[in-house]
Amino acid sequence: MKPILLEPIGQSVGYSSGLVRLCGPWSWLCGPLSGALEMVDDRWLSVDEIALYLGVKRDTVYKWIDRKQMPAHKVGRLWKFSKKDVDQWVRSGGSAQREGI
């Protein structure tokens, strides 16, 4: 079975715009897929993905896990993140600079 690929349509591509087409064995579904995008947003993120999302380096993510209790889950030897949990942690001041840390 071929993998499912999300392919941008046109130049104004963005997750909020819904301008994405599902390609592969289910190409008859091509068109704006807001429901599919919600499922993509709900997946576990890697260290690189959460660093990109937060606009920090991956070393900063590892330091936050160790020193500031950033919400993360170890899956095997990989760290995985829930975007919802990380957003809540940031909003509550978890990533804020503190004296002595």
Protein backbone atom coordinates (compact mmCIF):
# COMPACT_ATOMS: atom_id res chain seq x y z
CA MET A 1 0.00 0.00 0.00
CA LYS A 2 1.28 3.46 -0.92
CA PRO A 3 1.66 6.08 1.84
CA ILE A 4 -0.85 8.90 2.09
CA LEU A 5 0.67 12.24 1.16
CA LEU A 6 -0.61 15.72 1.88
CA GLU A 7 0.14 17.90 -1.10
CA PRO A 8 -0.22 21.72 -1.14
CA ILE A 9 -2.62 23.26 -3.64
CA GLY A 10 -1.47 26.59 -5.06
CA GLN A 11 0.84 29.01 -3.30
CA SER A 12 -1.26 30.11 -0.32
CA VAL A 13 -0.80 26.96 1.71
CA GLY A 14 -1.43 26.82 5.42
CA TYR A 15 -2.93 24.47 7.92
CA SER A 16 -5.56 27.04 8.85
CA SER A 17 -6.55 27.65 5.24
CA GLY A 18 -7.48 24.04 4.53
CA LEU A 19 -5.81 24.22 1.13
CA VAL A 20 -4.35 20.74 1.15
CA ARG A 21 -5.07 17.75 -1.07
CA LEU A 22 -4.92 14.10 -0.04
CA CYS A 23 -3.05 12.12 -2.69
CA GLY A 24 -2.34 8.45 -3.12
CA PRO A 25 -4.75 5.52 -3.28
CA TRP A 26 -7.62 7.76 -2.13
CA SER A 27 -7.08 10.51 -4.71
CA TRP A 28 -10.84 10.65 -5.33
CA LEU A 29 -10.98 12.51 -1.99
CA CYS A 30 -8.84 15.40 -3.27
CA GLY A 31 -10.01 18.81 -2.12
CA PRO A 32 -10.03 20.91 1.07
CA LEU A 33 -9.83 18.50 4.01
CA SER A 34 -10.32 20.38 7.26
CA GLY A 35 -11.18 17.18 9.18
CA ALA A 36 -8.00 15.45 8.05
CA LEU A 37 -5.93 18.44 9.11
CA GLU A 38 -7.37 18.31 12.61
CA MET A 39 -6.20 14.70 12.87
CA VAL A 40 -2.72 15.72 11.71
CA ASP A 41 -2.59 18.47 14.38
CA ASP A 42 -3.51 15.95 17.07
CA ARG A 43 -0.48 13.68 16.59
CA TRP A 44 2.57 13.46 18.85
CA LEU A 45 5.39 15.82 17.83
CA SER A 46 9.13 15.07 17.80
CA VAL A 47 11.85 17.21 19.40
CA ASP A 48 12.62 18.86 16.05
CA GLU A 49 8.95 19.57 15.35
CA ILE A 50 8.24 21.07 18.79
CA ALA A 51 11.44 23.16 18.57
CA LEU A 52 10.34 24.51 15.18
CA TYR A 53 6.82 25.14 16.51
CA LEU A 54 8.16 27.11 19.52
CA GLY A 55 10.91 28.85 17.54
CA VAL A 56 13.77 27.54 19.67
CA LYS A 57 16.74 25.22 19.13
CA ARG A 58 16.44 21.51 19.92
CA ASP A 59 19.05 21.89 22.70
CA THR A 60 16.69 24.35 24.40
CA VAL A 61 13.91 21.75 24.30
CA TYR A 62 16.15 19.17 26.01
CA LYS A 63 17.12 21.74 28.68
CA TRP A 64 13.46 22.61 29.29
CA ILE A 65 12.61 18.92 29.72
CA ASP A 66 15.43 18.50 32.23
CA ARG A 67 15.30 21.81 34.10
CA LYS A 68 11.80 23.24 33.69
CA GLN A 69 9.58 20.16 33.60
CA MET A 70 8.44 20.67 30.01
CA PRO A 71 5.63 18.14 29.38
CA ALA A 72 7.16 15.33 27.33
CA HIS A 73 6.84 11.58 27.06
CA LYS A 74 9.62 9.12 26.35
CA VAL A 75 8.68 6.58 23.66
CA GLY A 76 11.57 4.14 23.50
CA ARG A 77 14.54 6.47 23.29
CA LEU A 78 12.64 9.31 21.61
CA TRP A 79 10.89 12.26 23.27
CA LYS A 80 7.35 12.99 22.06
CA PHE A 81 5.18 16.03 22.79
CA SER A 82 1.50 16.86 22.83
CA LYS A 83 1.07 20.28 21.25
CA LYS A 84 -1.89 20.94 23.55
CA ASP A 85 0.15 20.14 26.70
CA VAL A 86 3.11 22.24 25.55
CA ASP A 87 0.85 25.20 24.72
CA GLN A 88 -0.66 25.01 28.21
CA TRP A 89 2.82 24.76 29.77
CA VAL A 90 4.02 27.84 27.87
CA ARG A 91 0.89 29.85 28.75
CA SER A 92 1.31 28.99 32.44
CA GLY A 93 4.85 30.42 32.39
CA GLY A 94 6.75 27.13 32.29
CA SER A 95 9.27 28.39 29.76
CA ALA A 96 9.77 31.78 31.45
CA GLN A 97 13.24 32.72 32.62
CA ARG A 98 13.73 32.12 36.36
CA GLU A 99 16.61 33.13 38.54
CA GLY A 100 18.97 30.28 39.42
CA ILE A 101 17.91 28.02 36.55
